[in-house]
Protein backbone atom coordinates (compact mmCIF):
# COMPACT_ATOMS: atom_id res chain seq x y z
CA MET A 1 92.21 117.82 141.49
CA ILE A 2 94.88 120.20 142.88
CA ALA A 3 97.04 117.23 143.88
CA ARG A 4 96.68 115.79 140.36
CA ILE A 5 97.73 119.10 138.78
CA ILE A 6 100.76 119.30 141.10
CA ALA A 7 101.70 115.71 140.14
CA LEU A 8 101.45 116.52 136.45
CA LEU A 9 103.51 119.67 136.88
CA SER A 10 106.12 117.66 138.73
CA PHE A 11 106.14 115.08 135.93
CA TYR A 12 106.75 117.66 133.22
CA THR A 13 109.29 119.54 135.35
CA LEU A 14 111.27 116.32 135.83
CA SER A 15 110.92 115.57 132.13
CA LEU A 16 112.55 118.86 131.25
CA ALA A 17 115.09 119.02 134.04
CA SER A 18 116.34 115.53 134.81
CA ALA A 19 114.67 112.99 132.56
CA GLN A 20 117.86 113.04 130.51
CA HIS A 21 119.71 111.02 133.17
CA GLU A 22 122.78 113.12 132.46
CA TRP A 23 125.04 110.78 134.41
CA GLN A 24 124.51 108.24 131.64
CA LYS A 25 127.33 107.95 129.10
CA PRO A 26 127.78 105.67 126.08
CA LYS A 27 129.18 102.21 126.80
CA PRO A 28 132.89 101.58 126.16
CA LEU A 29 133.75 100.74 122.56
CA VAL A 30 133.76 97.05 121.67
CA SER A 31 135.93 95.13 119.22
CA THR A 32 134.95 93.94 115.78
CA ALA A 33 135.59 90.40 116.97
CA HIS A 34 133.12 90.87 119.83
CA VAL A 35 130.40 92.07 117.45
CA GLU A 36 131.10 89.34 114.89
CA ALA A 37 130.91 86.68 117.59
CA ILE A 38 127.40 87.85 118.50
CA MET A 39 126.21 88.11 114.89
CA GLY A 40 127.74 84.85 113.66
CA PRO A 41 128.39 84.16 109.96
CA LEU A 42 126.56 86.45 107.53
CA THR A 43 125.81 84.84 104.17
CA ALA A 44 122.77 86.51 102.60
CA ASP A 45 123.44 89.79 100.76
CA ALA A 46 119.82 90.77 100.16
CA PRO A 47 116.32 89.94 101.43
CA THR A 48 114.51 87.04 99.78
CA GLU A 49 112.34 89.57 97.95
CA PRO A 50 112.16 93.36 97.62
CA ARG A 51 111.07 94.96 100.89
CA HIS A 52 109.50 98.35 101.65
CA ILE A 53 109.96 100.03 105.04
CA VAL A 54 108.07 103.02 106.43
CA TRP A 55 109.82 104.95 109.24
CA VAL A 56 107.37 106.91 111.40
CA TRP A 57 108.71 109.99 113.19
CA GLY A 58 107.57 113.12 115.02
CA TYR A 59 108.87 116.09 116.98
CA ASP A 60 109.84 116.47 120.65
CA GLY A 61 109.25 119.64 122.61
CA GLY A 62 110.33 118.64 126.10
CA HIS A 63 113.70 116.88 126.18
CA ARG A 64 117.11 118.42 125.70
CA PRO A 65 119.23 117.24 122.75
CA GLY A 66 120.59 113.73 123.16
CA ALA A 67 117.20 112.18 123.94
CA HIS A 68 114.03 111.70 121.90
CA ASP A 69 115.84 113.12 118.85
CA TYR A 70 113.26 111.69 116.47
CA LEU A 71 114.50 113.61 113.45
CA ARG A 72 118.16 112.68 113.95
CA VAL A 73 117.40 109.01 114.53
CA ARG A 74 115.06 108.98 111.52
CA ASP A 75 117.82 110.26 109.25
CA LEU A 76 120.38 107.88 110.78
CA MET A 77 118.27 104.75 110.47
CA THR A 78 116.68 105.43 107.09
CA GLY A 79 120.14 106.23 105.74
CA LEU A 80 121.37 102.83 106.91
CA LEU A 81 118.31 100.91 105.71
CA GLU A 82 118.49 102.46 102.24
CA LYS A 83 121.91 100.81 101.82
CA VAL A 84 120.43 97.31 102.10
CA PRO A 85 119.97 95.82 98.60
CA ASP A 86 116.33 95.50 97.48
CA VAL A 87 115.07 97.64 100.36
CA THR A 88 113.20 100.89 99.75
CA VAL A 89 112.42 103.31 102.57
CA GLU A 90 109.99 106.17 103.01
CA THR A 91 109.02 108.24 106.02
CA ALA A 92 105.68 109.04 107.61
CA TYR A 93 105.14 112.00 109.91
CA LEU A 94 103.19 111.00 113.07
CA PHE A 95 101.31 108.03 111.52
CA PRO A 96 101.31 106.05 108.26
CA SER A 97 98.64 106.71 105.69
CA LYS A 98 96.39 103.89 104.52
CA ALA A 99 98.39 103.78 101.27
CA GLN A 100 101.65 103.47 103.21
CA PHE A 101 100.26 100.59 105.25
CA GLU A 102 99.26 98.86 102.01
CA LYS A 103 102.80 99.11 100.58
CA ALA A 104 104.79 98.43 103.74
CA ASP A 105 106.49 95.20 104.73
CA LEU A 106 107.70 96.88 107.92
CA VAL A 107 106.59 99.94 109.88
CA ALA A 108 109.28 101.19 112.28
CA MET A 109 108.10 103.78 114.80
CA TYR A 110 110.07 106.16 117.02
CA LEU A 111 107.99 109.12 118.19
CA HIS A 112 105.35 110.30 120.64
CA LEU A 113 102.14 109.34 118.88
CA PRO A 114 99.32 111.86 118.45
CA GLN A 115 95.78 111.03 119.45
CA LEU A 116 94.71 108.31 117.02
CA THR A 117 91.29 107.97 115.46
CA ASN A 118 89.32 104.74 115.52
CA ALA A 119 89.99 104.43 111.79
CA GLN A 120 93.77 104.66 112.39
CA TYR A 121 93.64 101.98 115.08
CA SER A 122 91.64 99.83 112.67
CA ASP A 123 94.15 100.37 109.85
CA PHE A 124 97.02 99.50 112.21
CA LYS A 125 95.46 96.24 113.40
CA ALA A 126 94.43 95.24 109.88
CA TYR A 127 97.97 95.83 108.65
CA VAL A 128 99.37 93.45 111.26
CA GLN A 129 96.67 90.84 110.74
CA LYS A 130 97.45 90.70 107.01
CA GLY A 131 101.14 90.05 107.62
CA GLY A 132 102.74 93.43 108.25
CA GLY A 133 105.76 93.80 110.51
CA VAL A 134 106.14 96.45 113.23
CA VAL A 135 109.08 97.65 115.31
CA ALA A 136 108.02 100.09 118.06
CA LEU A 137 110.68 102.00 119.98
CA HIS A 138 110.58 103.78 123.36
CA GLU A 139 107.99 106.58 123.54
CA THR A 140 105.95 105.01 120.73
CA ALA A 141 104.37 103.00 123.56
CA ILE A 142 103.02 106.12 125.32
CA ILE A 143 99.61 107.53 124.60
CA ARG A 144 97.09 109.18 126.90
CA PRO A 145 94.48 109.02 128.47
CA ALA A 146 94.24 105.51 129.94
CA GLU A 147 91.58 104.25 127.54
CA GLU A 148 93.82 105.16 124.58
CA GLY A 149 96.65 103.14 126.09
CA LYS A 150 94.45 100.06 126.08
CA LYS A 151 93.68 100.60 122.39
CA LEU A 152 97.35 101.05 121.53
CA ALA A 153 98.24 97.85 123.41
CA GLN A 154 95.94 95.99 121.03
CA CYS A 155 98.29 97.08 118.24
CA LEU A 156 101.69 96.87 119.94
CA GLY A 157 101.14 94.22 122.62
CA MET A 158 102.15 96.63 125.41
CA ALA A 159 101.44 100.34 125.96
CA TRP A 160 101.33 103.04 128.61
CA ASP A 161 98.63 102.83 131.28
CA GLU A 162 98.12 106.40 132.48
CA GLY A 163 97.95 106.61 136.26
CA ARG A 164 99.76 103.29 136.75
CA SER A 165 102.78 103.23 134.43
CA ASP A 166 106.18 104.63 135.41
CA TRP A 167 109.43 105.59 133.67
CA GLY A 168 113.02 105.73 134.80
CA ALA A 169 116.64 104.81 134.16
CA ILE A 170 117.96 101.29 133.67
CA PHE A 171 120.09 100.50 136.73
CA GLU A 172 121.22 96.93 136.02
CA ASP A 173 121.97 94.58 133.14
CA ILE A 174 118.97 93.20 131.27
CA THR A 175 118.18 89.47 131.27
CA VAL A 176 117.41 88.32 127.72
CA LYS A 177 116.09 85.13 126.12
CA GLN A 178 119.14 83.77 124.30
CA ASP A 179 117.09 81.07 122.56
CA HIS A 180 115.20 83.63 120.47
CA THR A 181 116.72 84.59 117.12
CA ILE A 182 116.80 88.28 118.07
CA PHE A 183 119.11 87.62 121.05
CA ARG A 184 121.05 84.64 119.73
CA GLY A 185 124.76 85.00 120.49
CA PHE A 186 124.28 87.53 123.30
CA PRO A 187 125.25 86.72 126.89
CA GLU A 188 122.35 86.19 129.26
CA LYS A 189 122.93 89.64 130.75
CA LEU A 190 122.95 92.62 128.39
CA ARG A 191 123.97 96.16 129.25
CA ILE A 192 122.11 99.09 127.69
CA VAL A 193 122.61 102.62 129.04
CA ASP A 194 119.14 104.08 128.68
CA GLU A 195 115.65 104.53 130.09
CA PHE A 196 112.51 102.39 129.97
CA TYR A 197 108.88 102.18 131.13
CA TRP A 198 107.09 99.65 133.33
CA ASN A 199 103.63 98.77 134.69
CA LEU A 200 102.26 98.92 131.15
CA ASN A 201 99.11 97.50 129.63
CA GLN A 202 100.13 94.00 128.47
CA LEU A 203 98.21 91.53 126.33
CA GLU A 204 98.11 87.93 127.47
CA ASP A 205 99.77 86.56 124.31
CA VAL A 206 102.79 88.87 124.49
CA GLN A 207 106.10 87.01 124.77
CA VAL A 208 108.69 88.82 126.89
CA LEU A 209 112.25 88.54 125.50
CA GLY A 210 114.05 90.75 128.03
CA HIS A 211 113.36 92.04 131.52
CA VAL A 212 115.05 94.08 134.23
CA ARG A 213 114.37 95.22 137.80
CA THR A 214 113.16 98.77 138.26
CA GLY A 215 114.62 101.57 140.33
CA ARG A 216 113.29 104.93 141.41
CA PRO A 217 110.81 106.28 138.88
CA GLY A 218 111.44 109.57 137.12
CA GLY A 219 114.65 111.45 136.55
CA SER A 220 117.87 110.19 138.07
CA ARG A 221 121.29 111.53 139.02
CA GLY A 222 123.31 108.32 139.17
CA LEU A 223 123.35 104.59 139.84
CA ILE A 224 121.55 103.25 142.89
CA PRO A 225 122.46 100.23 145.06
CA PRO A 226 121.07 96.84 143.94
CA ASN A 227 119.16 96.51 147.22
CA GLU A 228 117.04 99.50 146.19
CA LEU A 229 115.85 97.80 143.03
CA SER A 230 112.46 96.12 142.79
CA LYS A 231 112.15 92.45 143.67
CA GLN A 232 110.20 91.70 140.49
CA ALA A 233 111.59 92.39 137.02
CA SER A 234 109.59 94.23 134.35
CA PRO A 235 109.49 93.63 130.58
CA MET A 236 111.92 95.60 128.43
CA PHE A 237 111.72 93.73 125.10
CA TRP A 238 108.67 91.85 123.83
CA ILE A 239 107.10 90.34 120.72
CA LEU A 240 103.53 89.78 119.59
CA GLU A 241 102.20 87.67 116.73
CA ARG A 242 98.72 88.47 115.46
CA GLY A 243 97.24 86.89 112.35
CA LYS A 244 100.06 86.75 109.83
CA GLY A 245 101.87 89.74 111.33
CA ARG A 246 104.65 90.25 113.84
CA VAL A 247 105.35 93.09 116.29
CA PHE A 248 108.56 93.78 118.20
CA GLY A 249 108.49 96.35 120.96
CA THR A 250 110.88 97.90 123.43
CA THR A 251 110.58 100.89 125.72
CA THR A 252 114.30 101.55 125.58
CA GLY A 253 115.75 103.88 122.95
CA HIS A 254 115.58 107.13 124.95
CA ASN A 255 119.21 108.21 124.45
CA THR A 256 120.34 109.10 120.95
CA PHE A 257 123.72 107.46 121.54
CA THR A 258 121.89 104.14 122.04
CA TYR A 259 121.33 104.03 118.27
CA TYR A 260 125.12 104.16 117.84
CA ASP A 261 125.61 101.18 120.16
CA PRO A 262 126.52 98.16 117.97
CA GLU A 263 124.77 95.71 120.30
CA PHE A 264 121.55 97.72 120.21
CA ARG A 265 121.83 97.91 116.42
CA ILE A 266 122.09 94.11 116.25
CA ILE A 267 118.88 93.84 118.28
CA LEU A 268 117.14 96.43 116.16
CA PHE A 269 118.16 94.97 112.79
CA ARG A 270 117.34 91.44 113.89
CA ALA A 271 113.95 92.62 115.15
CA MET A 272 113.22 94.24 111.79
CA ALA A 273 114.20 91.09 109.92
CA TRP A 274 112.19 88.88 112.30
CA ALA A 275 109.12 91.07 111.85
CA MET A 276 109.42 90.66 108.05
CA ARG A 277 110.26 86.93 108.31
CA GLU A 278 113.63 87.59 106.69
CA LYS A 279 117.21 86.61 107.48
CA ALA A 280 118.91 89.45 109.31
CA ASP A 281 122.22 89.09 107.42
CA PRO A 282 121.75 91.94 104.88
CA PHE A 283 120.86 94.34 107.70
CA LEU A 284 123.54 93.17 110.12
CA LYS A 285 126.23 93.96 107.57
CA LEU A 286 125.52 97.63 108.37
CA VAL A 287 125.94 97.36 112.15
CA GLY A 288 129.37 98.98 112.07
CA GLU A 289 128.49 101.62 109.48
CA GLY A 290 129.70 105.01 110.71
CA ILE A 291 130.70 103.77 114.18
CA THR A 292 133.94 101.84 113.47
CA ASN A 293 137.25 103.55 114.16
CA GLU A 294 140.68 102.88 112.63
CA GLN A 295 141.48 100.33 115.34
CA GLY A 296 138.37 98.30 114.50
CA MET A 297 136.52 99.33 117.65
CA LEU A 298 132.78 99.98 117.42
CA GLY A 299 130.49 102.42 119.21
CA THR A 300 130.60 106.07 120.21
CA ILE A 301 131.92 108.22 123.04
CA ASN A 302 129.69 111.17 122.10
CA THR A 303 126.74 111.84 124.40
CA MET A 304 125.08 113.74 121.52
CA ARG A 305 123.77 116.39 123.93
CA ASP A 306 125.14 119.33 121.96
CA TRP A 307 123.19 118.62 118.77
CA LYS A 308 121.73 121.83 117.29
CA GLY A 309 119.11 120.28 115.03
CA LYS A 310 116.46 119.37 117.62
CA LEU A 311 112.94 119.62 116.19
CA ARG A 312 110.76 121.14 118.93
CA ARG A 313 107.59 121.95 117.02
CA PRO A 314 105.67 120.46 114.10
CA PRO A 315 107.61 120.91 110.86
CA GLU A 316 106.44 123.49 108.37
CA PRO A 317 104.28 121.93 105.64
CA VAL A 318 106.46 121.04 102.67
CA GLU A 319 105.72 119.54 99.30
CA GLN A 320 106.45 115.87 99.72
CA GLY A 321 107.65 115.31 96.18
CA PHE A 322 107.04 112.07 94.32
CA LYS A 323 108.59 108.83 93.14
CA PHE A 324 109.03 107.50 89.64
CA VAL A 325 110.47 104.35 88.12
CA GLN A 326 113.20 103.99 85.51
CA MET A 327 112.93 100.73 83.57
CA CYS A 328 115.45 99.79 80.88
CA ASP A 329 115.39 97.43 77.93
CA THR A 330 112.35 95.25 78.49
CA GLN A 331 113.53 94.05 75.05
CA LEU A 332 111.15 91.13 74.57
CA GLY A 333 113.31 88.44 72.95
CA MET A 334 116.72 89.48 74.26
CA GLY A 335 116.94 87.05 77.19
CA GLY A 336 114.54 84.54 75.68
CA TYR A 337 111.10 85.65 74.53
CA ALA A 338 109.06 83.81 77.17
CA HIS A 339 111.52 84.88 79.85
CA ASP A 340 111.31 88.55 78.90
CA VAL A 341 107.52 88.51 78.69
CA GLU A 342 107.30 86.98 82.17
CA ALA A 343 109.90 89.40 83.55
CA PHE A 344 108.04 92.42 82.18
CA GLU A 345 104.74 91.13 83.59
CA ARG A 346 106.31 90.60 87.02
CA ALA A 347 107.83 94.07 86.93
CA VAL A 348 104.42 95.61 86.20
CA VAL A 349 102.87 93.86 89.21
CA GLN A 350 105.78 94.87 91.42
CA ILE A 351 105.75 98.51 90.30
CA ASN A 352 101.98 98.76 90.71
CA ALA A 353 102.47 97.64 94.32
CA LEU A 354 105.10 100.35 94.88
CA ASN A 355 102.63 102.89 93.48
CA PRO A 356 105.02 105.53 92.10
CA ASP A 357 103.59 108.50 90.24
CA LEU A 358 105.18 107.66 86.87
CA VAL A 359 107.07 104.96 85.00
CA PHE A 360 109.61 105.60 82.23
CA ILE A 361 110.95 102.82 80.00
CA CYS A 362 114.27 103.85 78.48
CA GLY A 363 113.92 102.21 75.08
CA ASP A 364 114.50 98.85 73.45
CA LEU A 365 111.01 97.78 74.29
CA VAL A 366 111.43 94.75 72.01
CA GLN A 367 114.30 92.83 70.43
CA ASP A 368 112.75 92.52 66.96
CA ALA A 369 110.34 95.25 65.89
CA ASN A 370 107.33 93.36 64.50
CA ASP A 371 103.60 93.11 65.02
CA THR A 372 103.82 90.24 67.52
CA SER A 373 106.44 91.76 69.79
CA PHE A 374 104.84 95.22 69.83
CA ARG A 375 101.43 93.64 70.48
CA ASP A 376 102.79 91.69 73.46
CA PHE A 377 104.60 94.74 74.75
CA ASN A 378 101.49 96.91 74.58
CA ARG A 379 99.37 94.19 76.19
CA ILE A 380 101.65 94.01 79.22
CA LYS A 381 102.20 97.78 79.40
CA ALA A 382 98.42 98.26 79.58
CA LYS A 383 98.45 96.47 82.95
CA PHE A 384 100.22 99.41 84.58
CA LYS A 385 97.93 101.28 86.97
CA ILE A 386 100.34 104.21 86.68
CA PRO A 387 101.12 106.42 83.65
CA CYS A 388 103.91 104.71 81.69
CA HIS A 389 106.03 106.66 79.17
CA CYS A 390 108.36 105.02 76.67
CA ALA A 391 111.48 106.19 74.84
CA ALA A 392 112.36 104.66 71.49
CA GLY A 393 115.42 102.40 71.32
CA ASN A 394 117.55 101.29 68.42
CA HIS A 395 115.86 97.85 68.38
CA ASP A 396 112.46 99.56 68.24
CA VAL A 397 113.25 101.79 65.24
CA GLU A 398 116.29 99.96 63.78
CA ASN A 399 119.96 100.89 64.06
CA GLN A 400 119.81 102.63 60.70
CA LEU A 401 116.70 104.67 61.29
CA THR A 402 114.36 105.12 58.32
CA LEU A 403 111.07 106.91 57.76
CA LYS A 404 109.44 103.50 57.44
CA SER A 405 110.73 102.20 60.79
CA LEU A 406 109.84 105.51 62.44
CA LYS A 407 106.31 105.31 61.02
CA GLN A 408 105.91 101.76 62.31
CA TYR A 409 106.97 102.75 65.83
CA ARG A 410 104.61 105.70 65.90
CA GLU A 411 101.73 103.53 64.76
CA LYS A 412 102.44 100.59 67.07
CA VAL A 413 103.71 102.35 70.21
CA GLY A 414 103.09 106.10 69.98
CA LYS A 415 105.12 109.31 69.92
CA ASP A 416 108.88 108.89 69.82
CA TYR A 417 109.60 112.25 71.49
CA TYR A 418 107.39 114.32 73.78
CA THR A 419 107.22 116.25 77.07
CA VAL A 420 105.77 115.18 80.43
CA GLU A 421 105.22 117.79 83.15
CA HIS A 422 104.59 116.55 86.68
CA LYS A 423 104.53 118.37 90.03
CA GLY A 424 106.85 121.13 88.91
CA TYR A 425 109.29 118.92 86.96
CA THR A 426 109.73 118.58 83.20
CA PHE A 427 110.58 115.21 81.66
CA ALA A 428 111.88 115.45 78.09
CA VAL A 429 111.51 112.02 76.45
CA ALA A 430 113.81 112.16 73.42
CA ASN A 431 114.59 109.81 70.52
CA THR A 432 118.37 109.28 70.62
CA GLN A 433 118.27 107.37 67.35
CA LEU A 434 117.57 110.70 65.63
CA TRP A 435 120.92 111.83 67.08
CA LYS A 436 122.77 108.55 66.49
CA ALA A 437 121.58 107.99 62.91
CA PRO A 438 120.09 111.31 61.72
CA VAL A 439 117.18 111.42 59.28
CA ARG A 440 116.80 114.61 57.25
CA ASP A 441 113.96 116.85 58.40
CA GLU A 442 112.97 114.46 61.21
CA SER A 443 116.19 115.07 63.16
CA GLU A 444 115.90 118.82 62.65
CA LYS A 445 112.30 118.81 63.93
CA HIS A 446 113.40 116.74 66.89
CA ASP A 447 116.23 119.16 67.74
CA THR A 448 113.92 122.16 67.52
CA TRP A 449 111.41 120.49 69.84
CA PHE A 450 114.17 119.50 72.29
CA ILE A 451 115.64 123.01 72.60
CA GLN A 452 112.16 124.57 72.91
CA THR A 453 111.26 122.07 75.64
CA LEU A 454 114.38 122.91 77.64
CA ALA A 455 113.82 126.64 77.19
CA GLU A 456 110.17 126.47 78.29
CA ALA A 457 111.06 124.44 81.36
CA LYS A 458 113.77 126.90 82.32
CA SER A 459 111.35 129.82 81.90
CA LYS A 460 109.04 128.07 84.39
CA ASN A 461 111.96 127.39 86.74
CA GLN A 462 111.26 123.66 86.48
CA PRO A 463 114.01 121.05 86.99
CA ILE A 464 114.51 119.01 83.80
CA ILE A 465 115.00 115.25 83.53
CA VAL A 466 115.91 113.91 80.08
CA VAL A 467 114.80 110.34 79.29
CA THR A 468 116.34 108.50 76.33
CA HIS A 469 117.65 105.14 75.19
CA TYR A 470 121.30 105.82 74.42
CA PRO A 471 123.55 107.23 77.14
CA LEU A 472 125.70 110.20 76.15
CA PHE A 473 128.83 108.32 77.23
CA ALA A 474 129.84 105.32 79.30
CA ASN A 475 133.09 106.33 81.02
CA SER A 476 134.24 109.76 79.86
CA PRO A 477 132.60 112.74 78.12
CA LEU A 478 135.51 112.73 75.65
CA GLU A 479 135.54 109.00 74.82
CA GLY A 480 135.34 108.00 71.17
CA GLU A 481 132.06 107.10 69.52
CA SER A 482 131.00 103.46 69.79
CA TYR A 483 127.87 101.33 69.73
CA MET A 484 127.38 102.25 73.41
CA ASN A 485 127.29 106.05 73.16
CA LEU A 486 126.35 109.06 71.04
CA PRO A 487 128.63 110.77 68.50
CA LEU A 488 131.18 113.04 70.16
CA ALA A 489 130.09 116.26 68.44
CA LYS A 490 126.43 115.70 69.32
CA ARG A 491 127.40 114.68 72.84
CA LYS A 492 129.29 117.95 73.42
CA GLU A 493 126.34 119.92 72.07
CA LEU A 494 123.90 118.11 74.38
CA LEU A 495 126.09 118.49 77.46
CA THR A 496 126.26 122.24 76.80
CA LEU A 497 122.47 122.37 76.48
CA PHE A 498 122.10 120.36 79.68
CA GLU A 499 124.27 122.88 81.54
CA ASP A 500 122.68 125.98 80.01
CA PHE A 501 119.07 125.00 80.65
CA GLY A 502 119.33 123.30 84.04
CA VAL A 503 119.00 119.59 83.29
CA ILE A 504 119.44 117.72 86.59
CA ALA A 505 119.42 114.13 85.34
CA HIS A 506 119.65 112.02 82.19
CA LEU A 507 118.08 108.54 82.37
CA SER A 508 119.06 106.00 79.72
CA GLY A 509 119.29 102.28 78.98
CA HIS A 510 120.99 100.45 76.09
CA THR A 511 124.18 99.34 77.86
CA HIS A 512 122.60 96.42 79.80
CA ARG A 513 124.89 97.53 82.62
CA TYR A 514 124.37 99.81 85.59
CA ILE A 515 126.37 102.97 84.90
CA ALA A 516 126.13 106.08 87.07
CA ASN A 517 128.11 109.18 86.09
CA ASN A 518 127.99 112.75 87.28
CA TYR A 519 128.78 115.57 84.87
CA LYS A 520 128.99 118.98 86.57
CA GLY A 521 126.23 118.03 89.00
CA ILE A 522 124.05 116.33 86.37
CA GLN A 523 123.24 112.70 87.18
CA LEU A 524 123.67 110.36 84.18
CA VAL A 525 122.24 106.92 84.93
CA SER A 526 121.88 103.85 82.75
CA GLY A 527 119.89 101.32 84.70
CA GLU A 528 119.53 97.58 85.04
CA THR A 529 117.20 95.76 82.64
CA THR A 530 114.43 93.20 82.97
CA SER A 531 115.75 91.14 80.05
CA ARG A 532 119.50 90.49 80.41
CA ASN A 533 122.33 92.33 82.17
CA PHE A 534 125.85 92.02 80.82
CA ASP A 535 127.46 92.95 84.18
CA GLN A 536 125.82 90.02 86.03
CA ARG A 537 123.71 92.34 88.16
CA PRO A 538 120.24 91.01 89.00
CA LEU A 539 117.30 92.00 86.86
CA GLY A 540 115.24 94.93 88.11
CA PHE A 541 114.62 98.65 87.86
CA ARG A 542 115.46 101.96 89.56
CA LEU A 543 113.09 103.77 91.95
CA TRP A 544 113.71 107.54 91.93
CA SER A 545 112.62 110.12 94.48
CA ALA A 546 112.09 113.77 93.52
CA VAL A 547 111.69 116.28 96.35
CA PRO A 548 111.75 120.01 95.53
CA GLY A 549 114.95 121.63 96.75
CA LYS A 550 116.78 118.32 97.16
CA GLU A 551 118.98 116.29 94.87
CA LEU A 552 117.29 113.43 93.06
CA SER A 553 117.94 110.08 94.70
CA HIS A 554 117.48 106.57 93.39
CA SER A 555 117.79 102.97 94.51
CA PHE A 556 117.77 99.61 92.80
CA VAL A 557 114.75 97.31 93.15
CA ARG A 558 115.41 93.68 92.29
CA LEU A 559 112.83 91.89 90.16
CA ALA A 560 110.86 89.59 92.45
CA GLY A 561 111.25 85.86 91.97
CA GLN A 562 113.78 83.81 90.06
CA LEU A 563 113.82 83.59 86.27
CA LYS A 564 116.04 81.39 84.14
CA ILE A 565 117.71 83.29 81.33
CA GLY A 566 117.67 81.49 78.02
CA ARG A 567 116.62 81.71 74.45
């Protein structure tokens, strides 16, 4: 027992003192031509369908900055992935929830896992069996004691075997399988300056894609002679296919600068695409993002060991915020009635799968306001499993608003202006037609309600999001009035109200174009439609994220499948 305690103390002492392999430095920069030669031609701009990625992260108490920087790598990689069209990203601390597994196309993991329950192991294996993709990096493969390592190997294909497994620096180039799509274009020998693990639990059906000979286990102070390396090579990269799912694993990824290595990024992005059965092209286009200098050389010379943001203890509990969807101009009949009905129905299915908290439709629900179109709209809207709130558009209540058209809308659809409060935010759903084509008494009532709503939200210190059909303006706050904006005098009045009461965003439709403006810190966004876009952008909707204390963020989600536009 005493010997075991001494061994454990030695392990943790080495982890703190020399596990960083401080002799290791980033590889020399490589040329754009070198990277492009490995990647080959890139043709696809987006995945074949919208994809959702969950990045799993944790904290690290033992290593100095520059290694196991789970928070820094999380922010780096999710920031890159969010730039891929039709890809949405969320994070999970320590382990995905059951709901996150249900939504995910890919679970990427870089952390030291906590002790997992039998239910979590079951959820993990079920996710893969049903077709989920997994990318597991470095310390994700470590869990203790030995019996837990065997359970984790059932999920990842390989995992730490306490009492038998070892860790140490990589002392020679890695031999990779060039005939696999992940390593296509690479030379047979690949250099990565990092650390890895060996003597792991390994399932029989694991396919090894890269291997390397091992050196002295534990911390290291420099390269060692080739004759001191093991005779037998150990796996470094592997894949596992179970049921309909795919897993890619590697025990490298120790050094933070590795994630700034363009060759490692190619491997990582290709592995993600392979796990989702996608072409890697849309991801590979981001390989050089943030690591390309003016001479067209890629990589980094920074060891990253002076980073001050290391997370060494569990983060303080914070409110996680929520997501909501902005749809625009379902407008049944605009792009062809059957087309628009099908597009709306597909959007409902897709949004239900994303499971946001709320959905807002920014007006022009139908092209022609009649019993049939409103009936079809309401029938499809009822399929939402999430609260859906609609703003009235000019096609819903007519360009020249009347009491009759207003009455019809209220009877067929519901209120044309109202307030939604959710998790500390106020959504003011307004009727811009009462500002565009005023109706006596009705417009005055609407204005009174609007100002009271803003004032009440401000008194509660709640951020305000205004949802309407018309945008305030398209290009400039001072542009002249047109079919595409609100009257100048009313626009100036509203912008002043927005400033005075703390509006943080205005969501609108109407333009059938994606327009994003920022007025004194207020986001003004007209989104893509599900009927017809005049700017040739694909059909779809916007997924917004609201986190207290942070700026609202949003991303485009393409409508799944192909639809032919026609009347």
